[in-house]
Amino acid sequence: KALALEGRALGIACGQIDIGNAATDMTRQIEAGALQADGQVRPEPTMSAEHVADAVLYMAGLPLEANVLTMTVMATGMPFVGRG
């Protein structure tokens, strides 16, 4: 947020991408089962890491007159923010 505000006068645009369960080596365990807010262990869906790359390319491809300040990219069926 500070960079977005301080960079504005200099023509600097920035954005933040919050990434959900992108299918990588790091997320293999949650595909098998992850502890949920209710104490149960359940598998969580993942999405292709290509969708994250597409989001980055979209944000980077915008002209300086437009900006995405925040974006959340997540697998459709994954538990929402806060694991609940």
PDB file of N, CA and C in Angstrom:
ATOM      1  N   LYS A   1       0.821  -1.184   0.000  1.00  0.00           N
ATOM      2  CA  LYS A   1       0.000   0.000   0.000  1.00  0.00           C
ATOM      3  C   LYS A   1       0.872   1.257   0.000  1.00  0.00           C
ATOM      4  N   ALA A   2       1.945   1.214   0.769  1.00  0.00           N
ATOM      5  CA  ALA A   2       2.835   2.377   0.837  1.00  0.00           C
ATOM      6  C   ALA A   2       3.459   2.655  -0.526  1.00  0.00           C
ATOM      7  N   LEU A   3       3.904   1.609  -1.222  1.00  0.00           N
ATOM      8  CA  LEU A   3       4.500   1.803  -2.545  1.00  0.00           C
ATOM      9  C   LEU A   3       3.483   2.382  -3.515  1.00  0.00           C
ATOM     10  N   ALA A   4       2.245   1.911  -3.449  1.00  0.00           N
ATOM     11  CA  ALA A   4       1.204   2.429  -4.334  1.00  0.00           C
ATOM     12  C   ALA A   4       0.982   3.922  -4.096  1.00  0.00           C
ATOM     13  N   LEU A   5       0.981   4.333  -2.846  1.00  0.00           N
ATOM     14  CA  LEU A   5       0.755   5.746  -2.527  1.00  0.00           C
ATOM     15  C   LEU A   5       1.978   6.600  -2.833  1.00  0.00           C
ATOM     16  N   GLU A   6       3.149   6.135  -2.414  1.00  0.00           N
ATOM     17  CA  GLU A   6       4.365   6.925  -2.605  1.00  0.00           C
ATOM     18  C   GLU A   6       4.806   6.961  -4.060  1.00  0.00           C
ATOM     19  N   GLY A   7       4.530   5.903  -4.802  1.00  0.00           N
ATOM     20  CA  GLY A   7       4.943   5.847  -6.199  1.00  0.00           C
ATOM     21  C   GLY A   7       4.036   6.594  -7.145  1.00  0.00           C
ATOM     22  N   ARG A   8       2.843   6.904  -6.693  1.00  0.00           N
ATOM     23  CA  ARG A   8       1.849   7.550  -7.558  1.00  0.00           C
ATOM     24  C   ARG A   8       2.387   8.819  -8.202  1.00  0.00           C
ATOM     25  N   ALA A   9       3.029   9.677  -7.423  1.00  0.00           N
ATOM     26  CA  ALA A   9       3.551  10.946  -7.944  1.00  0.00           C
ATOM     27  C   ALA A   9       4.666  10.736  -8.963  1.00  0.00           C
ATOM     28  N   LEU A  10       5.301   9.567  -8.930  1.00  0.00           N
ATOM     29  CA  LEU A  10       6.404   9.270  -9.846  1.00  0.00           C
ATOM     30  C   LEU A  10       5.965   8.402 -11.019  1.00  0.00           C
ATOM     31  N   GLY A  11       4.669   8.143 -11.128  1.00  0.00           N
ATOM     32  CA  GLY A  11       4.163   7.314 -12.219  1.00  0.00           C
ATOM     33  C   GLY A  11       4.429   5.834 -12.017  1.00  0.00           C
ATOM     34  N   ILE A  12       4.643   5.421 -10.780  1.00  0.00           N
ATOM     35  CA  ILE A  12       4.914   4.015 -10.472  1.00  0.00           C
ATOM     36  C   ILE A  12       3.615   3.344 -10.048  1.00  0.00           C
ATOM     37  N   ALA A  13       3.289   2.255 -10.707  1.00  0.00           N
ATOM     38  CA  ALA A  13       2.107   1.474 -10.352  1.00  0.00           C
ATOM     39  C   ALA A  13       2.566   0.134  -9.787  1.00  0.00           C
ATOM     40  N   CYS A  14       1.826  -0.386  -8.840  1.00  0.00           N
ATOM     41  CA  CYS A  14       2.156  -1.690  -8.275  1.00  0.00           C
ATOM     42  C   CYS A  14       0.866  -2.410  -7.925  1.00  0.00           C
ATOM     43  N   GLY A  15       0.974  -3.691  -7.696  1.00  0.00           N
ATOM     44  CA  GLY A  15      -0.184  -4.481  -7.312  1.00  0.00           C
ATOM     45  C   GLY A  15       0.262  -5.684  -6.500  1.00  0.00           C
ATOM     46  N   GLN A  16      -0.709  -6.329  -5.871  1.00  0.00           N
ATOM     47  CA  GLN A  16      -0.441  -7.499  -5.033  1.00  0.00           C
ATOM     48  C   GLN A  16      -1.323  -8.637  -5.504  1.00  0.00           C
ATOM     49  N   ILE A  17      -0.738  -9.824  -5.625  1.00  0.00           N
ATOM     50  CA  ILE A  17      -1.513 -11.018  -5.962  1.00  0.00           C
ATOM     51  C   ILE A  17      -1.448 -11.971  -4.779  1.00  0.00           C
ATOM     52  N   ASP A  18      -2.607 -12.319  -4.255  1.00  0.00           N
ATOM     53  CA  ASP A  18      -2.705 -13.333  -3.209  1.00  0.00           C
ATOM     54  C   ASP A  18      -3.015 -14.646  -3.907  1.00  0.00           C
ATOM     55  N   ILE A  19      -2.156 -15.629  -3.708  1.00  0.00           N
ATOM     56  CA  ILE A  19      -2.248 -16.888  -4.442  1.00  0.00           C
ATOM     57  C   ILE A  19      -2.773 -17.981  -3.533  1.00  0.00           C
ATOM     58  N   GLY A  20      -3.801 -18.658  -3.992  1.00  0.00           N
ATOM     59  CA  GLY A  20      -4.357 -19.797  -3.272  1.00  0.00           C
ATOM     60  C   GLY A  20      -3.557 -21.057  -3.554  1.00  0.00           C
ATOM     61  N   ASN A  21      -4.225 -22.173  -3.616  1.00  0.00           N
ATOM     62  CA  ASN A  21      -3.578 -23.476  -3.763  1.00  0.00           C
ATOM     63  C   ASN A  21      -3.184 -23.750  -5.214  1.00  0.00           C
ATOM     64  N   ALA A  22      -2.061 -23.198  -5.629  1.00  0.00           N
ATOM     65  CA  ALA A  22      -1.528 -23.498  -6.955  1.00  0.00           C
ATOM     66  C   ALA A  22      -0.817 -24.846  -6.890  1.00  0.00           C
ATOM     67  N   ALA A  23      -1.065 -25.691  -7.869  1.00  0.00           N
ATOM     68  CA  ALA A  23      -0.502 -27.047  -7.873  1.00  0.00           C
ATOM     69  C   ALA A  23       1.007 -26.989  -8.127  1.00  0.00           C
ATOM     70  N   THR A  24       1.776 -27.219  -7.067  1.00  0.00           N
ATOM     71  CA  THR A  24       3.237 -27.266  -7.140  1.00  0.00           C
ATOM     72  C   THR A  24       3.704 -28.379  -6.206  1.00  0.00           C
ATOM     73  N   ASP A  25       4.999 -28.590  -6.154  1.00  0.00           N
ATOM     74  CA  ASP A  25       5.538 -29.580  -5.216  1.00  0.00           C
ATOM     75  C   ASP A  25       5.157 -29.241  -3.776  1.00  0.00           C
ATOM     76  N   MET A  26       5.046 -27.959  -3.478  1.00  0.00           N
ATOM     77  CA  MET A  26       4.728 -27.533  -2.110  1.00  0.00           C
ATOM     78  C   MET A  26       3.286 -27.867  -1.709  1.00  0.00           C
ATOM     79  N   THR A  27       2.390 -28.016  -2.670  1.00  0.00           N
ATOM     80  CA  THR A  27       0.979 -28.242  -2.333  1.00  0.00           C
ATOM     81  C   THR A  27       0.552 -29.702  -2.440  1.00  0.00           C
ATOM     82  N   ARG A  28       1.464 -30.588  -2.730  1.00  0.00           N
ATOM     83  CA  ARG A  28       1.084 -32.004  -2.842  1.00  0.00           C
ATOM     84  C   ARG A  28       0.459 -32.529  -1.555  1.00  0.00           C
ATOM     85  N   GLN A  29       0.953 -32.089  -0.428  1.00  0.00           N
ATOM     86  CA  GLN A  29       0.437 -32.567   0.855  1.00  0.00           C
ATOM     87  C   GLN A  29      -1.019 -32.154   1.063  1.00  0.00           C
ATOM     88  N   ILE A  30      -1.385 -30.925   0.695  1.00  0.00           N
ATOM     89  CA  ILE A  30      -2.768 -30.503   0.925  1.00  0.00           C
ATOM     90  C   ILE A  30      -3.742 -31.191  -0.023  1.00  0.00           C
ATOM     91  N   GLU A  31      -3.237 -31.659  -1.162  1.00  0.00           N
ATOM     92  CA  GLU A  31      -4.102 -32.432  -2.054  1.00  0.00           C
ATOM     93  C   GLU A  31      -4.490 -33.749  -1.394  1.00  0.00           C
ATOM     94  N   ALA A  32      -3.609 -34.277  -0.554  1.00  0.00           N
ATOM     95  CA  ALA A  32      -3.895 -35.518   0.171  1.00  0.00           C
ATOM     96  C   ALA A  32      -4.752 -35.239   1.399  1.00  0.00           C
ATOM     97  N   GLY A  33      -4.558 -34.095   2.026  1.00  0.00           N
ATOM     98  CA  GLY A  33      -5.353 -33.734   3.190  1.00  0.00           C
ATOM     99  C   GLY A  33      -4.681 -32.658   4.002  1.00  0.00           C
ATOM    100  N   ALA A  34      -5.456 -31.662   4.402  1.00  0.00           N
ATOM    101  CA  ALA A  34      -4.940 -30.555   5.208  1.00  0.00           C
ATOM    102  C   ALA A  34      -5.880 -30.321   6.383  1.00  0.00           C
ATOM    103  N   LEU A  35      -5.311 -29.928   7.500  1.00  0.00           N
ATOM    104  CA  LEU A  35      -6.098 -29.640   8.690  1.00  0.00           C
ATOM    105  C   LEU A  35      -6.999 -28.435   8.423  1.00  0.00           C
ATOM    106  N   GLN A  36      -8.278 -28.589   8.714  1.00  0.00           N
ATOM    107  CA  GLN A  36      -9.254 -27.531   8.481  1.00  0.00           C
ATOM    108  C   GLN A  36      -9.606 -26.831   9.793  1.00  0.00           C
ATOM    109  N   ALA A  37     -10.328 -25.730   9.688  1.00  0.00           N
ATOM    110  CA  ALA A  37     -10.697 -24.940  10.867  1.00  0.00           C
ATOM    111  C   ALA A  37     -11.531 -25.737  11.863  1.00  0.00           C
ATOM    112  N   ASP A  38     -12.289 -26.735  11.363  1.00  0.00           N
ATOM    113  CA  ASP A  38     -13.128 -27.537  12.260  1.00  0.00           C
ATOM    114  C   ASP A  38     -12.381 -28.716  12.872  1.00  0.00           C
ATOM    115  N   GLY A  39     -11.070 -28.804  12.628  1.00  0.00           N
ATOM    116  CA  GLY A  39     -10.249 -29.866  13.196  1.00  0.00           C
ATOM    117  C   GLY A  39     -10.152 -31.116  12.346  1.00  0.00           C
ATOM    118  N   GLN A  40     -10.918 -31.203  11.264  1.00  0.00           N
ATOM    119  CA  GLN A  40     -10.866 -32.366  10.383  1.00  0.00           C
ATOM    120  C   GLN A  40      -9.756 -32.194   9.353  1.00  0.00           C
ATOM    121  N   VAL A  41      -9.278 -33.320   8.840  1.00  0.00           N
ATOM    122  CA  VAL A  41      -8.299 -33.314   7.755  1.00  0.00           C
ATOM    123  C   VAL A  41      -9.040 -33.692   6.481  1.00  0.00           C
ATOM    124  N   ARG A  42      -9.010 -32.791   5.511  1.00  0.00           N
ATOM    125  CA  ARG A  42      -9.681 -33.036   4.236  1.00  0.00           C
ATOM    126  C   ARG A  42      -8.779 -32.590   3.097  1.00  0.00           C
ATOM    127  N   PRO A  43      -8.887 -33.261   1.938  1.00  0.00           N
ATOM    128  CA  PRO A  43      -8.123 -32.802   0.777  1.00  0.00           C
ATOM    129  C   PRO A  43      -8.620 -31.432   0.318  1.00  0.00           C
ATOM    130  N   GLU A  44      -7.707 -30.629  -0.201  1.00  0.00           N
ATOM    131  CA  GLU A  44      -8.081 -29.326  -0.744  1.00  0.00           C
ATOM    132  C   GLU A  44      -7.803 -29.307  -2.238  1.00  0.00           C
ATOM    133  N   PRO A  45      -8.691 -28.688  -3.008  1.00  0.00           N
ATOM    134  CA  PRO A  45      -8.463 -28.586  -4.444  1.00  0.00           C
ATOM    135  C   PRO A  45      -7.316 -27.625  -4.752  1.00  0.00           C
ATOM    136  N   THR A  46      -6.695 -27.841  -5.885  1.00  0.00           N
ATOM    137  CA  THR A  46      -5.633 -26.953  -6.352  1.00  0.00           C
ATOM    138  C   THR A  46      -5.979 -26.481  -7.759  1.00  0.00           C
ATOM    139  N   MET A  47      -5.230 -25.519  -8.228  1.00  0.00           N
ATOM    140  CA  MET A  47      -5.381 -25.014  -9.598  1.00  0.00           C
ATOM    141  C   MET A  47      -4.013 -25.047 -10.260  1.00  0.00           C
ATOM    142  N   SER A  48      -4.004 -25.003 -11.552  1.00  0.00           N
ATOM    143  CA  SER A  48      -2.756 -24.980 -12.302  1.00  0.00           C
ATOM    144  C   SER A  48      -1.984 -23.700 -11.991  1.00  0.00           C
ATOM    145  N   ALA A  49      -0.684 -23.820 -11.839  1.00  0.00           N
ATOM    146  CA  ALA A  49       0.160 -22.641 -11.617  1.00  0.00           C
ATOM    147  C   ALA A  49       0.117 -21.706 -12.825  1.00  0.00           C
ATOM    148  N   GLU A  50      -0.299 -22.224 -13.972  1.00  0.00           N
ATOM    149  CA  GLU A  50      -0.432 -21.378 -15.168  1.00  0.00           C
ATOM    150  C   GLU A  50      -1.464 -20.275 -14.957  1.00  0.00           C
ATOM    151  N   HIS A  51      -2.487 -20.541 -14.147  1.00  0.00           N
ATOM    152  CA  HIS A  51      -3.496 -19.510 -13.879  1.00  0.00           C
ATOM    153  C   HIS A  51      -2.880 -18.348 -13.106  1.00  0.00           C
ATOM    154  N   VAL A  52      -1.953 -18.647 -12.233  1.00  0.00           N
ATOM    155  CA  VAL A  52      -1.240 -17.595 -11.501  1.00  0.00           C
ATOM    156  C   VAL A  52      -0.387 -16.790 -12.479  1.00  0.00           C
ATOM    157  N   ALA A  53       0.312 -17.486 -13.360  1.00  0.00           N
ATOM    158  CA  ALA A  53       1.136 -16.802 -14.362  1.00  0.00           C
ATOM    159  C   ALA A  53       0.276 -15.908 -15.250  1.00  0.00           C
ATOM    160  N   ASP A  54      -0.904 -16.391 -15.626  1.00  0.00           N
ATOM    161  CA  ASP A  54      -1.816 -15.578 -16.441  1.00  0.00           C
ATOM    162  C   ASP A  54      -2.223 -14.303 -15.710  1.00  0.00           C
ATOM    163  N   ALA A  55      -2.466 -14.415 -14.401  1.00  0.00           N
ATOM    164  CA  ALA A  55      -2.844 -13.245 -13.606  1.00  0.00           C
ATOM    165  C   ALA A  55      -1.704 -12.231 -13.548  1.00  0.00           C
ATOM    166  N   VAL A  56      -0.483 -12.726 -13.365  1.00  0.00           N
ATOM    167  CA  VAL A  56       0.689 -11.840 -13.337  1.00  0.00           C
ATOM    168  C   VAL A  56       0.839 -11.134 -14.678  1.00  0.00           C
ATOM    169  N   LEU A  57       0.715 -11.885 -15.761  1.00  0.00           N
ATOM    170  CA  LEU A  57       0.835 -11.285 -17.096  1.00  0.00           C
ATOM    171  C   LEU A  57      -0.251 -10.249 -17.344  1.00  0.00           C
ATOM    172  N   TYR A  58      -1.468 -10.535 -16.886  1.00  0.00           N
ATOM    173  CA  TYR A  58      -2.555  -9.566 -17.043  1.00  0.00           C
ATOM    174  C   TYR A  58      -2.207  -8.256 -16.343  1.00  0.00           C
ATOM    175  N   MET A  59      -1.783  -8.362 -15.079  1.00  0.00           N
ATOM    176  CA  MET A  59      -1.461  -7.154 -14.317  1.00  0.00           C
ATOM    177  C   MET A  59      -0.287  -6.397 -14.936  1.00  0.00           C
ATOM    178  N   ALA A  60       0.727  -7.130 -15.352  1.00  0.00           N
ATOM    179  CA  ALA A  60       1.915  -6.492 -15.933  1.00  0.00           C
ATOM    180  C   ALA A  60       1.617  -5.865 -17.288  1.00  0.00           C
ATOM    181  N   GLY A  61       0.615  -6.385 -17.984  1.00  0.00           N
ATOM    182  CA  GLY A  61       0.297  -5.896 -19.317  1.00  0.00           C
ATOM    183  C   GLY A  61      -0.606  -4.679 -19.348  1.00  0.00           C
ATOM    184  N   LEU A  62      -1.110  -4.257 -18.209  1.00  0.00           N
ATOM    185  CA  LEU A  62      -1.978  -3.084 -18.187  1.00  0.00           C
ATOM    186  C   LEU A  62      -1.176  -1.816 -18.466  1.00  0.00           C
ATOM    187  N   PRO A  63      -1.791  -0.851 -19.131  1.00  0.00           N
ATOM    188  CA  PRO A  63      -1.100   0.430 -19.315  1.00  0.00           C
ATOM    189  C   PRO A  63      -0.994   1.148 -17.967  1.00  0.00           C
ATOM    190  N   LEU A  64      -0.080   2.109 -17.864  1.00  0.00           N
ATOM    191  CA  LEU A  64       0.126   2.811 -16.596  1.00  0.00           C
ATOM    192  C   LEU A  64      -1.106   3.578 -16.130  1.00  0.00           C
ATOM    193  N   GLU A  65      -2.032   3.834 -17.031  1.00  0.00           N
ATOM    194  CA  GLU A  65      -3.246   4.555 -16.628  1.00  0.00           C
ATOM    195  C   GLU A  65      -4.252   3.664 -15.907  1.00  0.00           C
ATOM    196  N   ALA A  66      -3.996   2.354 -15.892  1.00  0.00           N
ATOM    197  CA  ALA A  66      -4.885   1.400 -15.220  1.00  0.00           C
ATOM    198  C   ALA A  66      -4.061   0.519 -14.291  1.00  0.00           C
ATOM    199  N   ASN A  67      -4.691   0.031 -13.232  1.00  0.00           N
ATOM    200  CA  ASN A  67      -3.956  -0.763 -12.256  1.00  0.00           C
ATOM    201  C   ASN A  67      -4.896  -1.711 -11.521  1.00  0.00           C
ATOM    202  N   VAL A  68      -4.384  -2.879 -11.184  1.00  0.00           N
ATOM    203  CA  VAL A  68      -5.069  -3.792 -10.275  1.00  0.00           C
ATOM    204  C   VAL A  68      -4.287  -3.720  -8.970  1.00  0.00           C
ATOM    205  N   LEU A  69      -4.873  -3.145  -7.943  1.00  0.00           N
ATOM    206  CA  LEU A  69      -4.159  -2.984  -6.680  1.00  0.00           C
ATOM    207  C   LEU A  69      -4.035  -4.313  -5.953  1.00  0.00           C
ATOM    208  N   THR A  70      -5.129  -5.075  -5.876  1.00  0.00           N
ATOM    209  CA  THR A  70      -5.082  -6.393  -5.244  1.00  0.00           C
ATOM    210  C   THR A  70      -5.904  -7.383  -6.054  1.00  0.00           C
ATOM    211  N   MET A  71      -5.425  -8.616  -6.094  1.00  0.00           N
ATOM    212  CA  MET A  71      -6.115  -9.691  -6.796  1.00  0.00           C
ATOM    213  C   MET A  71      -5.899 -10.976  -6.004  1.00  0.00           C
ATOM    214  N   THR A  72      -6.937 -11.783  -5.880  1.00  0.00           N
ATOM    215  CA  THR A  72      -6.828 -13.094  -5.258  1.00  0.00           C
ATOM    216  C   THR A  72      -7.120 -14.138  -6.317  1.00  0.00           C
ATOM    217  N   VAL A  73      -6.185 -15.060  -6.514  1.00  0.00           N
ATOM    218  CA  VAL A  73      -6.363 -16.159  -7.456  1.00  0.00           C
ATOM    219  C   VAL A  73      -6.346 -17.439  -6.636  1.00  0.00           C
ATOM    220  N   MET A  74      -7.453 -18.182  -6.667  1.00  0.00           N
ATOM    221  CA  MET A  74      -7.540 -19.386  -5.841  1.00  0.00           C
ATOM    222  C   MET A  74      -8.351 -20.458  -6.551  1.00  0.00           C
ATOM    223  N   ALA A  75      -8.099 -21.706  -6.184  1.00  0.00           N
ATOM    224  CA  ALA A  75      -8.883 -22.815  -6.713  1.00  0.00           C
ATOM    225  C   ALA A  75     -10.334 -22.613  -6.286  1.00  0.00           C
ATOM    226  N   THR A  76     -11.260 -22.830  -7.195  1.00  0.00           N
ATOM    227  CA  THR A  76     -12.665 -22.535  -6.949  1.00  0.00           C
ATOM    228  C   THR A  76     -13.214 -23.215  -5.706  1.00  0.00           C
ATOM    229  N   GLY A  77     -12.868 -24.462  -5.468  1.00  0.00           N
ATOM    230  CA  GLY A  77     -13.441 -25.194  -4.349  1.00  0.00           C
ATOM    231  C   GLY A  77     -12.652 -25.154  -3.062  1.00  0.00           C
ATOM    232  N   MET A  78     -11.554 -24.401  -3.015  1.00  0.00           N
ATOM    233  CA  MET A  78     -10.745 -24.415  -1.792  1.00  0.00           C
ATOM    234  C   MET A  78     -11.431 -23.627  -0.680  1.00  0.00           C
ATOM    235  N   PRO A  79     -11.143 -23.991   0.574  1.00  0.00           N
ATOM    236  CA  PRO A  79     -11.708 -23.232   1.686  1.00  0.00           C
ATOM    237  C   PRO A  79     -11.307 -21.768   1.550  1.00  0.00           C
ATOM    238  N   PHE A  80     -12.200 -20.890   1.926  1.00  0.00           N
ATOM    239  CA  PHE A  80     -11.953 -19.469   1.736  1.00  0.00           C
ATOM    240  C   PHE A  80     -10.956 -18.948   2.760  1.00  0.00           C
ATOM    241  N   VAL A  81     -10.670 -17.678   2.688  1.00  0.00           N
ATOM    242  CA  VAL A  81      -9.695 -17.007   3.538  1.00  0.00           C
ATOM    243  C   VAL A  81      -9.903 -17.403   5.002  1.00  0.00           C
ATOM    244  N   GLY A  82      -8.837 -17.746   5.658  1.00  0.00           N
ATOM    245  CA  GLY A  82      -8.911 -18.143   7.054  1.00  0.00           C
ATOM    246  C   GLY A  82      -9.228 -19.613   7.247  1.00  0.00           C
ATOM    247  N   ARG A  83      -9.208 -20.377   6.152  1.00  0.00           N
ATOM    248  CA  ARG A  83      -9.451 -21.821   6.191  1.00  0.00           C
ATOM    249  C   ARG A  83     -10.780 -22.172   6.834  1.00  0.00           C
ATOM    250  N   GLY A  84     -11.843 -21.483   6.475  1.00  0.00           N
ATOM    251  CA  GLY A  84     -13.133 -21.828   7.037  1.00  0.00           C
ATOM    252  C   GLY A  84     -14.225 -21.779   6.017  1.00  0.00           C
TER     253      GLY A  84
END
